[in-house]
Amino acid sequence: MTGTRIAALGHYQPAKVLTNQDLAELVDTDDAWITSRVGIRTRHVAGPDEPVDELAAHAAGKALATAGLAPDDIDLVLVATSTAIDRSPNTAARVAARLGMKSPATMDLNVVCAGFTHALATADHAVRAGGARRVLVIGADKMTEVCDWTDRTTCVLVGDGAGAAIVEAVDSTEGEEPGAAPGIGPVLWGSVPEMGNAVRIEGTPPRFAQEGQSVYRWATQQLPALARKACERSGLAPEELAGVVLHQANLRIIEPLAAKIGAVNAVVARDVVDSGNTSAASIPLALAKLVERGELPSGAPVLLFGFGGNLSYAGQVIRVP
């Protein structure tokens, strides 16, 4: 039987860093106000000459190098993004061109902050169905380009970046015990259509806006049960998790959520403190950093759970490459 696993991860952030003190010079805010409400201290900002596909290609290149693969070893490129300005060529096609790929299938997925976990599930399904052998999955967003820099409730939140994973086919019997080999568990995904306007990127030019209190209440009240169901689908109890990587929206959401899920032994990603809300990039960015720093060992089970725009959500348990 064909299963899947993550072979490698990569991440990238622009060099420019914007601090809370910097923001205080732009809008009526200060470090204490920002950290007390969202927990963010810094965020990375891409320049006008750094489009989303460039961020994505940098992260993808790192993942390929880590896996020891050439660009032509990839037969499907999936990019989760909601901030690409151009409709065509899509971001995935531009990433493939930047990497010098010859003939991969290329698709973008726009599920905003839950984009990466949706794309990861799509890659898993494509490999299991025989449509691909190796898939490059990228979450990349340039949120600062769709931000209203006069609105202190949203401009303090956002940052830019990209994270990538390489998903490949594997014999699902590999490993001495069921689930012992690095793998991707079944996805739990869905949406709350009546709350679709709670997080928005709309208008001309497009601008990010949200109903922060509505999202906060939904995430803290409804998401823990959904996250536990994602664990159940992988045959694991929350206390067996080695890590929890939630969408990096707000530290005030992340910390209580991890506790309510019951992941008492898990390392909890808090990359939002240094990176802000990078939308679809936030989960692979945070995961890749934890793995790079050695905080999550190979084979360890980690819950990924994205939520946000639409209002959509998707989560699965993966094994660390």
C-alpha atoms as a PDB file:
ATOM      1  CA  MET A   1       0.000   0.000   0.000  1.00  0.00           C
ATOM      2  CA  THR A   2       1.141   3.540  -0.722  1.00  0.00           C
ATOM      3  CA  GLY A   3       1.374   5.961   2.159  1.00  0.00           C
ATOM      4  CA  THR A   4       2.950   9.382   2.435  1.00  0.00           C
ATOM      5  CA  ARG A   5       5.497  11.187   4.534  1.00  0.00           C
ATOM      6  CA  ILE A   6       7.177  14.544   4.772  1.00  0.00           C
ATOM      7  CA  ALA A   7      10.729  14.111   3.525  1.00  0.00           C
ATOM      8  CA  ALA A   8      12.030  17.587   4.348  1.00  0.00           C
ATOM      9  CA  LEU A   9      11.092  21.107   5.365  1.00  0.00           C
ATOM     10  CA  GLY A  10      12.325  24.588   4.486  1.00  0.00           C
ATOM     11  CA  HIS A  11      11.515  28.144   5.477  1.00  0.00           C
ATOM     12  CA  TYR A  12      12.320  31.702   4.450  1.00  0.00           C
ATOM     13  CA  GLN A  13      11.699  35.213   5.784  1.00  0.00           C
ATOM     14  CA  PRO A  14      12.726  38.568   4.322  1.00  0.00           C
ATOM     15  CA  ALA A  15      15.693  40.319   5.926  1.00  0.00           C
ATOM     16  CA  LYS A  16      13.862  43.460   7.026  1.00  0.00           C
ATOM     17  CA  VAL A  17      12.479  43.279  10.562  1.00  0.00           C
ATOM     18  CA  LEU A  18       9.766  45.619  11.837  1.00  0.00           C
ATOM     19  CA  THR A  19       9.589  45.981  15.625  1.00  0.00           C
ATOM     20  CA  ASN A  20       6.745  47.192  17.793  1.00  0.00           C
ATOM     21  CA  GLN A  21       8.736  50.350  18.365  1.00  0.00           C
ATOM     22  CA  ASP A  22       8.874  50.892  14.611  1.00  0.00           C
ATOM     23  CA  LEU A  23       5.101  50.521  14.389  1.00  0.00           C
ATOM     24  CA  ALA A  24       4.633  53.078  17.146  1.00  0.00           C
ATOM     25  CA  GLU A  25       6.052  55.640  14.735  1.00  0.00           C
ATOM     26  CA  LEU A  26       3.399  54.764  12.120  1.00  0.00           C
ATOM     27  CA  VAL A  27       0.193  54.423  14.156  1.00  0.00           C
ATOM     28  CA  ASP A  28      -1.114  55.135  17.640  1.00  0.00           C
ATOM     29  CA  THR A  29       0.250  52.076  19.427  1.00  0.00           C
ATOM     30  CA  ASP A  30       3.118  50.915  21.626  1.00  0.00           C
ATOM     31  CA  ASP A  31       4.973  47.742  22.565  1.00  0.00           C
ATOM     32  CA  ALA A  32       2.942  47.135  25.706  1.00  0.00           C
ATOM     33  CA  TRP A  33      -0.386  47.431  23.850  1.00  0.00           C
ATOM     34  CA  ILE A  34       0.688  44.992  21.124  1.00  0.00           C
ATOM     35  CA  THR A  35       2.326  42.363  23.324  1.00  0.00           C
ATOM     36  CA  SER A  36      -0.525  42.333  25.826  1.00  0.00           C
ATOM     37  CA  ARG A  37      -3.150  41.779  23.126  1.00  0.00           C
ATOM     38  CA  VAL A  38      -1.460  39.538  20.553  1.00  0.00           C
ATOM     39  CA  GLY A  39       1.988  38.628  21.906  1.00  0.00           C
ATOM     40  CA  ILE A  40       3.869  39.813  18.811  1.00  0.00           C
ATOM     41  CA  ARG A  41       7.194  41.630  19.165  1.00  0.00           C
ATOM     42  CA  THR A  42       8.655  41.588  15.647  1.00  0.00           C
ATOM     43  CA  ARG A  43       7.663  40.667  12.097  1.00  0.00           C
ATOM     44  CA  HIS A  44       9.548  40.340   8.784  1.00  0.00           C
ATOM     45  CA  VAL A  45       8.580  42.598   5.884  1.00  0.00           C
ATOM     46  CA  ALA A  46       9.252  41.901   2.207  1.00  0.00           C
ATOM     47  CA  GLY A  47      10.206  44.777  -0.064  1.00  0.00           C
ATOM     48  CA  PRO A  48       8.378  45.855  -3.237  1.00  0.00           C
ATOM     49  CA  ASP A  49      10.820  43.788  -5.302  1.00  0.00           C
ATOM     50  CA  GLU A  50      10.135  40.587  -3.310  1.00  0.00           C
ATOM     51  CA  PRO A  51       6.911  39.011  -4.648  1.00  0.00           C
ATOM     52  CA  VAL A  52       5.181  36.049  -3.048  1.00  0.00           C
ATOM     53  CA  ASP A  53       6.634  33.557  -5.538  1.00  0.00           C
ATOM     54  CA  GLU A  54      10.169  34.653  -4.629  1.00  0.00           C
ATOM     55  CA  LEU A  55       9.514  34.021  -0.938  1.00  0.00           C
ATOM     56  CA  ALA A  56       8.031  30.651  -1.839  1.00  0.00           C
ATOM     57  CA  ALA A  57      10.945  29.661  -4.076  1.00  0.00           C
ATOM     58  CA  HIS A  58      13.495  30.409  -1.347  1.00  0.00           C
ATOM     59  CA  ALA A  59      11.667  28.152   1.128  1.00  0.00           C
ATOM     60  CA  ALA A  60      11.250  25.457  -1.531  1.00  0.00           C
ATOM     61  CA  GLY A  61      14.945  25.563  -2.396  1.00  0.00           C
ATOM     62  CA  LYS A  62      15.852  24.931   1.232  1.00  0.00           C
ATOM     63  CA  ALA A  63      13.476  21.966   1.428  1.00  0.00           C
ATOM     64  CA  LEU A  64      14.909  20.456  -1.765  1.00  0.00           C
ATOM     65  CA  ALA A  65      18.475  20.890  -0.506  1.00  0.00           C
ATOM     66  CA  THR A  66      17.624  19.316   2.844  1.00  0.00           C
ATOM     67  CA  ALA A  67      16.036  16.322   1.102  1.00  0.00           C
ATOM     68  CA  GLY A  68      18.942  16.000  -1.363  1.00  0.00           C
ATOM     69  CA  LEU A  69      16.553  16.284  -4.298  1.00  0.00           C
ATOM     70  CA  ALA A  70      16.747  18.055  -7.650  1.00  0.00           C
ATOM     71  CA  PRO A  71      13.868  20.257  -8.860  1.00  0.00           C
ATOM     72  CA  ASP A  72      12.932  17.703 -11.504  1.00  0.00           C
ATOM     73  CA  ASP A  73      12.318  15.090  -8.791  1.00  0.00           C
ATOM     74  CA  ILE A  74       9.068  16.966  -8.075  1.00  0.00           C
ATOM     75  CA  ASP A  75       6.004  16.226 -10.213  1.00  0.00           C
ATOM     76  CA  LEU A  76       3.428  18.442  -8.461  1.00  0.00           C
ATOM     77  CA  VAL A  77       3.786  21.914  -6.945  1.00  0.00           C
ATOM     78  CA  LEU A  78       1.052  23.208  -4.620  1.00  0.00           C
ATOM     79  CA  VAL A  79       1.225  26.741  -3.255  1.00  0.00           C
ATOM     80  CA  ALA A  80      -1.147  27.938  -0.562  1.00  0.00           C
ATOM     81  CA  THR A  81      -1.450  31.718  -0.750  1.00  0.00           C
ATOM     82  CA  SER A  82      -4.082  34.454  -0.623  1.00  0.00           C
ATOM     83  CA  THR A  83      -1.836  37.418  -1.357  1.00  0.00           C
ATOM     84  CA  ALA A  84      -0.565  36.767  -4.871  1.00  0.00           C
ATOM     85  CA  ILE A  85      -1.613  39.798  -6.918  1.00  0.00           C
ATOM     86  CA  ASP A  86      -1.556  38.216 -10.380  1.00  0.00           C
ATOM     87  CA  ARG A  87      -4.098  35.617 -11.454  1.00  0.00           C
ATOM     88  CA  SER A  88      -1.963  33.987 -14.136  1.00  0.00           C
ATOM     89  CA  PRO A  89       0.650  32.617 -14.230  1.00  0.00           C
ATOM     90  CA  ASN A  90      -0.258  31.285 -10.822  1.00  0.00           C
ATOM     91  CA  THR A  91       2.258  31.347  -7.992  1.00  0.00           C
ATOM     92  CA  ALA A  92       3.040  27.639  -8.276  1.00  0.00           C
ATOM     93  CA  ALA A  93       3.953  28.015 -11.948  1.00  0.00           C
ATOM     94  CA  ARG A  94       6.230  30.940 -11.152  1.00  0.00           C
ATOM     95  CA  VAL A  95       7.915  28.967  -8.377  1.00  0.00           C
ATOM     96  CA  ALA A  96       8.470  26.062 -10.771  1.00  0.00           C
ATOM     97  CA  ALA A  97      10.037  28.466 -13.272  1.00  0.00           C
ATOM     98  CA  ARG A  98      12.297  30.002 -10.628  1.00  0.00           C
ATOM     99  CA  LEU A  99      13.491  26.530  -9.621  1.00  0.00           C
ATOM    100  CA  GLY A 100      14.050  25.425 -13.223  1.00  0.00           C
ATOM    101  CA  MET A 101      11.542  22.577 -13.194  1.00  0.00           C
ATOM    102  CA  LYS A 102      10.631  21.023 -16.526  1.00  0.00           C
ATOM    103  CA  SER A 103       7.054  19.735 -16.414  1.00  0.00           C
ATOM    104  CA  PRO A 104       5.373  19.621 -12.982  1.00  0.00           C
ATOM    105  CA  ALA A 105       1.679  20.106 -12.449  1.00  0.00           C
ATOM    106  CA  THR A 106       1.204  23.475 -10.723  1.00  0.00           C
ATOM    107  CA  MET A 107      -1.728  24.656  -8.614  1.00  0.00           C
ATOM    108  CA  ASP A 108      -2.503  27.418  -6.139  1.00  0.00           C
ATOM    109  CA  LEU A 109      -4.876  26.935  -3.194  1.00  0.00           C
ATOM    110  CA  ASN A 110      -6.517  29.925  -1.544  1.00  0.00           C
ATOM    111  CA  VAL A 111      -7.733  28.894   1.896  1.00  0.00           C
ATOM    112  CA  VAL A 112      -6.038  31.839   3.602  1.00  0.00           C
ATOM    113  CA  CYS A 113      -4.639  30.932   7.046  1.00  0.00           C
ATOM    114  CA  ALA A 114      -5.641  27.266   6.738  1.00  0.00           C
ATOM    115  CA  GLY A 115      -4.060  27.046   3.296  1.00  0.00           C
ATOM    116  CA  PHE A 116      -0.988  24.992   4.145  1.00  0.00           C
ATOM    117  CA  THR A 117      -2.848  22.224   5.985  1.00  0.00           C
ATOM    118  CA  HIS A 118      -5.363  22.042   3.124  1.00  0.00           C
ATOM    119  CA  ALA A 119      -2.502  21.835   0.609  1.00  0.00           C
ATOM    120  CA  LEU A 120      -0.724  19.187   2.679  1.00  0.00           C
ATOM    121  CA  ALA A 121      -3.885  17.058   2.713  1.00  0.00           C
ATOM    122  CA  THR A 122      -4.282  17.556  -1.053  1.00  0.00           C
ATOM    123  CA  ALA A 123      -0.698  16.394  -1.601  1.00  0.00           C
ATOM    124  CA  ASP A 124      -1.296  13.364   0.619  1.00  0.00           C
ATOM    125  CA  HIS A 125      -4.405  12.458  -1.363  1.00  0.00           C
ATOM    126  CA  ALA A 126      -2.677  12.969  -4.729  1.00  0.00           C
ATOM    127  CA  VAL A 127       0.161  10.621  -3.781  1.00  0.00           C
ATOM    128  CA  ARG A 128      -2.125   7.976  -2.298  1.00  0.00           C
ATOM    129  CA  ALA A 129      -4.277   8.079  -5.456  1.00  0.00           C
ATOM    130  CA  GLY A 130      -1.240   7.617  -7.686  1.00  0.00           C
ATOM    131  CA  GLY A 131      -1.362  11.085  -9.233  1.00  0.00           C
ATOM    132  CA  ALA A 132       2.086  12.088  -7.979  1.00  0.00           C
ATOM    133  CA  ARG A 133       5.175  10.603  -6.366  1.00  0.00           C
ATOM    134  CA  ARG A 134       6.727  13.727  -4.880  1.00  0.00           C
ATOM    135  CA  VAL A 135       4.878  16.955  -4.131  1.00  0.00           C
ATOM    136  CA  LEU A 136       6.322  20.320  -3.178  1.00  0.00           C
ATOM    137  CA  VAL A 137       3.863  21.951  -0.762  1.00  0.00           C
ATOM    138  CA  ILE A 138       4.390  25.615   0.056  1.00  0.00           C
ATOM    139  CA  GLY A 139       2.611  28.144   2.238  1.00  0.00           C
ATOM    140  CA  ALA A 140       3.627  31.680   1.273  1.00  0.00           C
ATOM    141  CA  ASP A 141       2.086  35.056   1.946  1.00  0.00           C
ATOM    142  CA  LYS A 142       3.020  38.718   1.765  1.00  0.00           C
ATOM    143  CA  MET A 143       0.480  40.018   4.230  1.00  0.00           C
ATOM    144  CA  THR A 144       2.131  43.414   4.527  1.00  0.00           C
ATOM    145  CA  GLU A 145       1.106  44.137   0.930  1.00  0.00           C
ATOM    146  CA  VAL A 146      -2.602  43.793   1.742  1.00  0.00           C
ATOM    147  CA  CYS A 147      -2.401  45.594   5.066  1.00  0.00           C
ATOM    148  CA  ASP A 148      -3.941  48.955   5.956  1.00  0.00           C
ATOM    149  CA  TRP A 149      -1.051  50.665   7.724  1.00  0.00           C
ATOM    150  CA  THR A 150      -3.395  53.223   9.281  1.00  0.00           C
ATOM    151  CA  ASP A 151      -5.426  50.547  11.120  1.00  0.00           C
ATOM    152  CA  ARG A 152      -3.649  49.679  14.342  1.00  0.00           C
ATOM    153  CA  THR A 153      -5.919  46.691  15.003  1.00  0.00           C
ATOM    154  CA  THR A 154      -4.606  44.833  11.933  1.00  0.00           C
ATOM    155  CA  CYS A 155      -1.247  46.314  10.903  1.00  0.00           C
ATOM    156  CA  VAL A 156       0.357  45.161  14.167  1.00  0.00           C
ATOM    157  CA  LEU A 157      -0.519  41.566  13.333  1.00  0.00           C
ATOM    158  CA  VAL A 158       0.982  40.814   9.951  1.00  0.00           C
ATOM    159  CA  GLY A 159       4.299  39.621   8.580  1.00  0.00           C
ATOM    160  CA  ASP A 160       5.700  38.001   5.433  1.00  0.00           C
ATOM    161  CA  GLY A 161       7.330  34.648   4.833  1.00  0.00           C
ATOM    162  CA  ALA A 162       7.141  31.148   3.383  1.00  0.00           C
ATOM    163  CA  GLY A 163       7.456  27.560   4.510  1.00  0.00           C
ATOM    164  CA  ALA A 164       7.737  24.418   2.398  1.00  0.00           C
ATOM    165  CA  ALA A 165       7.453  20.661   2.766  1.00  0.00           C
ATOM    166  CA  ILE A 166       8.264  17.830   0.383  1.00  0.00           C
ATOM    167  CA  VAL A 167       5.680  15.067   0.473  1.00  0.00           C
ATOM    168  CA  GLU A 168       6.647  11.723  -1.008  1.00  0.00           C
ATOM    169  CA  ALA A 169       5.262   8.224  -1.425  1.00  0.00           C
ATOM    170  CA  VAL A 170       6.306   5.563   1.052  1.00  0.00           C
ATOM    171  CA  ASP A 171       5.407   1.947   1.681  1.00  0.00           C
ATOM    172  CA  SER A 172       2.788   2.314   4.408  1.00  0.00           C
ATOM    173  CA  THR A 173       4.107  -0.864   6.081  1.00  0.00           C
ATOM    174  CA  GLU A 174       7.493   0.811   6.645  1.00  0.00           C
ATOM    175  CA  GLY A 175       8.508   0.968  10.309  1.00  0.00           C
ATOM    176  CA  GLU A 176       8.482  -1.663  13.025  1.00  0.00           C
ATOM    177  CA  GLU A 177       5.260  -0.367  14.547  1.00  0.00           C
ATOM    178  CA  PRO A 178       2.145   1.150  12.952  1.00  0.00           C
ATOM    179  CA  GLY A 179       2.781   4.821  12.398  1.00  0.00           C
ATOM    180  CA  ALA A 180       6.463   4.553  13.402  1.00  0.00           C
ATOM    181  CA  ALA A 181       7.727   5.918  10.102  1.00  0.00           C
ATOM    182  CA  PRO A 182       7.357   9.626   9.386  1.00  0.00           C
ATOM    183  CA  GLY A 183       3.928  10.040   7.845  1.00  0.00           C
ATOM    184  CA  ILE A 184       0.863  12.209   7.288  1.00  0.00           C
ATOM    185  CA  GLY A 185      -2.326  11.328   9.103  1.00  0.00           C
ATOM    186  CA  PRO A 186      -5.911  11.730   7.885  1.00  0.00           C
ATOM    187  CA  VAL A 187      -7.111  15.297   7.603  1.00  0.00           C
ATOM    188  CA  LEU A 188     -10.009  16.811   9.499  1.00  0.00           C
ATOM    189  CA  TRP A 189     -11.230  19.792   7.504  1.00  0.00           C
ATOM    190  CA  GLY A 190     -14.292  21.949   7.069  1.00  0.00           C
ATOM    191  CA  SER A 191     -15.618  25.484   7.316  1.00  0.00           C
ATOM    192  CA  VAL A 192     -18.174  27.719   9.003  1.00  0.00           C
ATOM    193  CA  PRO A 193     -19.843  29.435   6.035  1.00  0.00           C
ATOM    194  CA  GLU A 194     -21.960  31.793   8.114  1.00  0.00           C
ATOM    195  CA  MET A 195     -18.714  33.232   9.527  1.00  0.00           C
ATOM    196  CA  GLY A 196     -17.086  33.614   6.139  1.00  0.00           C
ATOM    197  CA  ASN A 197     -16.752  37.386   6.521  1.00  0.00           C
ATOM    198  CA  ALA A 198     -14.973  37.179   9.870  1.00  0.00           C
ATOM    199  CA  VAL A 199     -11.575  37.282   8.103  1.00  0.00           C
ATOM    200  CA  ARG A 200     -11.355  39.077   4.767  1.00  0.00           C
ATOM    201  CA  ILE A 201      -8.906  40.168   2.089  1.00  0.00           C
ATOM    202  CA  GLU A 202     -11.068  42.031  -0.355  1.00  0.00           C
ATOM    203  CA  GLY A 203     -11.536  45.226  -2.337  1.00  0.00           C
ATOM    204  CA  THR A 204      -9.402  47.100  -4.883  1.00  0.00           C
ATOM    205  CA  PRO A 205      -6.669  47.308  -3.820  1.00  0.00           C
ATOM    206  CA  PRO A 206      -7.221  44.279  -1.597  1.00  0.00           C
ATOM    207  CA  ARG A 207      -7.082  44.935   2.148  1.00  0.00           C
ATOM    208  CA  PHE A 208      -6.979  42.611   5.141  1.00  0.00           C
ATOM    209  CA  ALA A 209      -9.712  43.055   7.759  1.00  0.00           C
ATOM    210  CA  GLN A 210     -11.216  40.866  10.420  1.00  0.00           C
ATOM    211  CA  GLU A 211     -13.748  40.618  13.212  1.00  0.00           C
ATOM    212  CA  GLY A 212     -11.155  39.776  15.830  1.00  0.00           C
ATOM    213  CA  GLN A 213     -13.485  39.026  18.736  1.00  0.00           C
ATOM    214  CA  SER A 214     -15.634  36.671  16.649  1.00  0.00           C
ATOM    215  CA  VAL A 215     -12.582  34.718  15.507  1.00  0.00           C
ATOM    216  CA  TYR A 216     -11.186  34.636  19.037  1.00  0.00           C
ATOM    217  CA  ARG A 217     -14.418  33.242  20.497  1.00  0.00           C
ATOM    218  CA  TRP A 218     -14.775  30.624  17.773  1.00  0.00           C
ATOM    219  CA  ALA A 219     -11.147  29.499  18.028  1.00  0.00           C
ATOM    220  CA  THR A 220     -11.083  29.216  21.805  1.00  0.00           C
ATOM    221  CA  GLN A 221     -14.510  27.609  22.124  1.00  0.00           C
ATOM    222  CA  GLN A 222     -14.902  25.380  19.041  1.00  0.00           C
ATOM    223  CA  LEU A 223     -11.418  24.538  17.834  1.00  0.00           C
ATOM    224  CA  PRO A 224     -10.204  22.331  20.758  1.00  0.00           C
ATOM    225  CA  ALA A 225     -12.798  19.650  20.023  1.00  0.00           C
ATOM    226  CA  LEU A 226     -11.923  19.740  16.305  1.00  0.00           C
ATOM    227  CA  ALA A 227      -8.219  19.400  17.067  1.00  0.00           C
ATOM    228  CA  ARG A 228      -8.889  16.398  19.292  1.00  0.00           C
ATOM    229  CA  LYS A 229     -10.856  14.789  16.453  1.00  0.00           C
ATOM    230  CA  ALA A 230      -7.849  15.248  14.164  1.00  0.00           C
ATOM    231  CA  CYS A 231      -5.771  13.379  16.745  1.00  0.00           C
ATOM    232  CA  GLU A 232      -8.373  10.620  16.928  1.00  0.00           C
ATOM    233  CA  ARG A 233      -8.223  10.145  13.147  1.00  0.00           C
ATOM    234  CA  SER A 234      -4.510   9.442  13.489  1.00  0.00           C
ATOM    235  CA  GLY A 235      -5.081   7.003  16.353  1.00  0.00           C
ATOM    236  CA  LEU A 236      -3.338   9.186  18.921  1.00  0.00           C
ATOM    237  CA  ALA A 237      -4.393  10.762  22.190  1.00  0.00           C
ATOM    238  CA  PRO A 238      -3.476  14.451  22.617  1.00  0.00           C
ATOM    239  CA  GLU A 239      -1.096  13.607  25.464  1.00  0.00           C
ATOM    240  CA  GLU A 240       0.935  11.477  23.017  1.00  0.00           C
ATOM    241  CA  LEU A 241       1.750  14.484  20.842  1.00  0.00           C
ATOM    242  CA  ALA A 242       5.340  15.709  20.868  1.00  0.00           C
ATOM    243  CA  GLY A 243       4.397  19.021  19.266  1.00  0.00           C
ATOM    244  CA  VAL A 244       1.488  21.307  18.443  1.00  0.00           C
ATOM    245  CA  VAL A 245       1.766  23.813  15.605  1.00  0.00           C
ATOM    246  CA  LEU A 246      -1.364  25.925  15.301  1.00  0.00           C
ATOM    247  CA  HIS A 247      -1.891  28.795  12.892  1.00  0.00           C
ATOM    248  CA  GLN A 248       0.217  31.595  14.340  1.00  0.00           C
ATOM    249  CA  ALA A 249      -2.514  34.195  14.649  1.00  0.00           C
ATOM    250  CA  ASN A 250      -2.319  35.434  18.207  1.00  0.00           C
ATOM    251  CA  LEU A 251      -0.445  34.183  21.277  1.00  0.00           C
ATOM    252  CA  ARG A 252      -3.625  34.702  23.326  1.00  0.00           C
ATOM    253  CA  ILE A 253      -5.316  32.114  21.080  1.00  0.00           C
ATOM    254  CA  ILE A 254      -2.413  29.671  20.754  1.00  0.00           C
ATOM    255  CA  GLU A 255      -1.545  29.137  24.417  1.00  0.00           C
ATOM    256  CA  PRO A 256      -5.043  28.424  25.791  1.00  0.00           C
ATOM    257  CA  LEU A 257      -5.864  26.289  22.755  1.00  0.00           C
ATOM    258  CA  ALA A 258      -2.899  23.989  23.311  1.00  0.00           C
ATOM    259  CA  ALA A 259      -3.969  23.555  26.926  1.00  0.00           C
ATOM    260  CA  LYS A 260      -7.608  22.846  26.016  1.00  0.00           C
ATOM    261  CA  ILE A 261      -6.573  20.259  23.411  1.00  0.00           C
ATOM    262  CA  GLY A 262      -4.851  18.310  26.202  1.00  0.00           C
ATOM    263  CA  ALA A 263      -1.397  18.181  24.617  1.00  0.00           C
ATOM    264  CA  VAL A 264       0.281  18.294  28.006  1.00  0.00           C
ATOM    265  CA  ASN A 265       3.611  16.846  26.813  1.00  0.00           C
ATOM    266  CA  ALA A 266       3.916  18.797  23.579  1.00  0.00           C
ATOM    267  CA  VAL A 267       6.251  21.543  22.446  1.00  0.00           C
ATOM    268  CA  VAL A 268       3.932  24.382  21.404  1.00  0.00           C
ATOM    269  CA  ALA A 269       4.987  26.610  18.501  1.00  0.00           C
ATOM    270  CA  ARG A 270       5.073  30.291  19.439  1.00  0.00           C
ATOM    271  CA  ASP A 271       6.689  31.683  16.303  1.00  0.00           C
ATOM    272  CA  VAL A 272       4.017  34.398  16.174  1.00  0.00           C
ATOM    273  CA  VAL A 273       6.110  36.317  18.728  1.00  0.00           C
ATOM    274  CA  ASP A 274       8.936  36.791  16.208  1.00  0.00           C
ATOM    275  CA  SER A 275       7.108  36.508  12.867  1.00  0.00           C
ATOM    276  CA  GLY A 276       3.598  37.838  13.348  1.00  0.00           C
ATOM    277  CA  ASN A 277       0.674  36.404  11.409  1.00  0.00           C
ATOM    278  CA  THR A 278       2.030  35.144   8.081  1.00  0.00           C
ATOM    279  CA  SER A 279      -1.241  33.464   7.053  1.00  0.00           C
ATOM    280  CA  ALA A 280      -0.622  30.285   5.003  1.00  0.00           C
ATOM    281  CA  ALA A 281       3.109  30.468   5.749  1.00  0.00           C
ATOM    282  CA  SER A 282       2.702  30.410   9.514  1.00  0.00           C
ATOM    283  CA  ILE A 283       2.425  26.657  10.138  1.00  0.00           C
ATOM    284  CA  PRO A 284       5.267  25.413   7.871  1.00  0.00           C
ATOM    285  CA  LEU A 285       7.435  28.350   8.976  1.00  0.00           C
ATOM    286  CA  ALA A 286       6.972  27.534  12.658  1.00  0.00           C
ATOM    287  CA  LEU A 287       7.322  23.777  12.114  1.00  0.00           C
ATOM    288  CA  ALA A 288      10.499  24.099  10.063  1.00  0.00           C
ATOM    289  CA  LYS A 289      12.092  26.292  12.727  1.00  0.00           C
ATOM    290  CA  LEU A 290      11.269  23.843  15.521  1.00  0.00           C
ATOM    291  CA  VAL A 291      12.778  20.971  13.527  1.00  0.00           C
ATOM    292  CA  GLU A 292      15.835  23.001  12.535  1.00  0.00           C
ATOM    293  CA  ARG A 293      16.508  23.868  16.187  1.00  0.00           C
ATOM    294  CA  GLY A 294      16.207  20.223  17.211  1.00  0.00           C
ATOM    295  CA  GLU A 295      13.176  20.821  19.432  1.00  0.00           C
ATOM    296  CA  LEU A 296      11.205  18.061  17.652  1.00  0.00           C
ATOM    297  CA  PRO A 297      13.010  14.746  16.992  1.00  0.00           C
ATOM    298  CA  SER A 298      12.601  12.717  13.812  1.00  0.00           C
ATOM    299  CA  GLY A 299       9.517  10.521  13.898  1.00  0.00           C
ATOM    300  CA  ALA A 300       7.799  12.535  16.628  1.00  0.00           C
ATOM    301  CA  PRO A 301       4.030  13.068  16.182  1.00  0.00           C
ATOM    302  CA  VAL A 302       2.995  16.689  15.730  1.00  0.00           C
ATOM    303  CA  LEU A 303      -0.475  18.172  15.330  1.00  0.00           C
ATOM    304  CA  LEU A 304      -0.808  20.821  12.638  1.00  0.00           C
ATOM    305  CA  PHE A 305      -4.022  22.858  12.665  1.00  0.00           C
ATOM    306  CA  GLY A 306      -4.825  25.835  10.466  1.00  0.00           C
ATOM    307  CA  PHE A 307      -7.850  28.104  10.813  1.00  0.00           C
ATOM    308  CA  GLY A 308      -8.933  31.548   9.676  1.00  0.00           C
ATOM    309  CA  GLY A 309     -10.279  33.051   6.466  1.00  0.00           C
ATOM    310  CA  ASN A 310     -13.521  31.733   5.004  1.00  0.00           C
ATOM    311  CA  LEU A 311     -13.854  30.640   8.120  1.00  0.00           C
ATOM    312  CA  SER A 312     -12.032  27.401   7.161  1.00  0.00           C
ATOM    313  CA  TYR A 313     -10.038  24.909   9.181  1.00  0.00           C
ATOM    314  CA  ALA A 314      -7.901  21.843   8.517  1.00  0.00           C
ATOM    315  CA  GLY A 315      -5.665  19.733  10.705  1.00  0.00           C
ATOM    316  CA  GLN A 316      -3.698  16.507  10.700  1.00  0.00           C
ATOM    317  CA  VAL A 317      -1.030  14.728  12.713  1.00  0.00           C
ATOM    318  CA  ILE A 318       2.289  14.369  10.925  1.00  0.00           C
ATOM    319  CA  ARG A 319       5.550  12.645  11.817  1.00  0.00           C
ATOM    320  CA  VAL A 320       8.656  14.817  11.864  1.00  0.00           C
ATOM    321  CA  PRO A 321      11.041  14.052   8.960  1.00  0.00           C
END
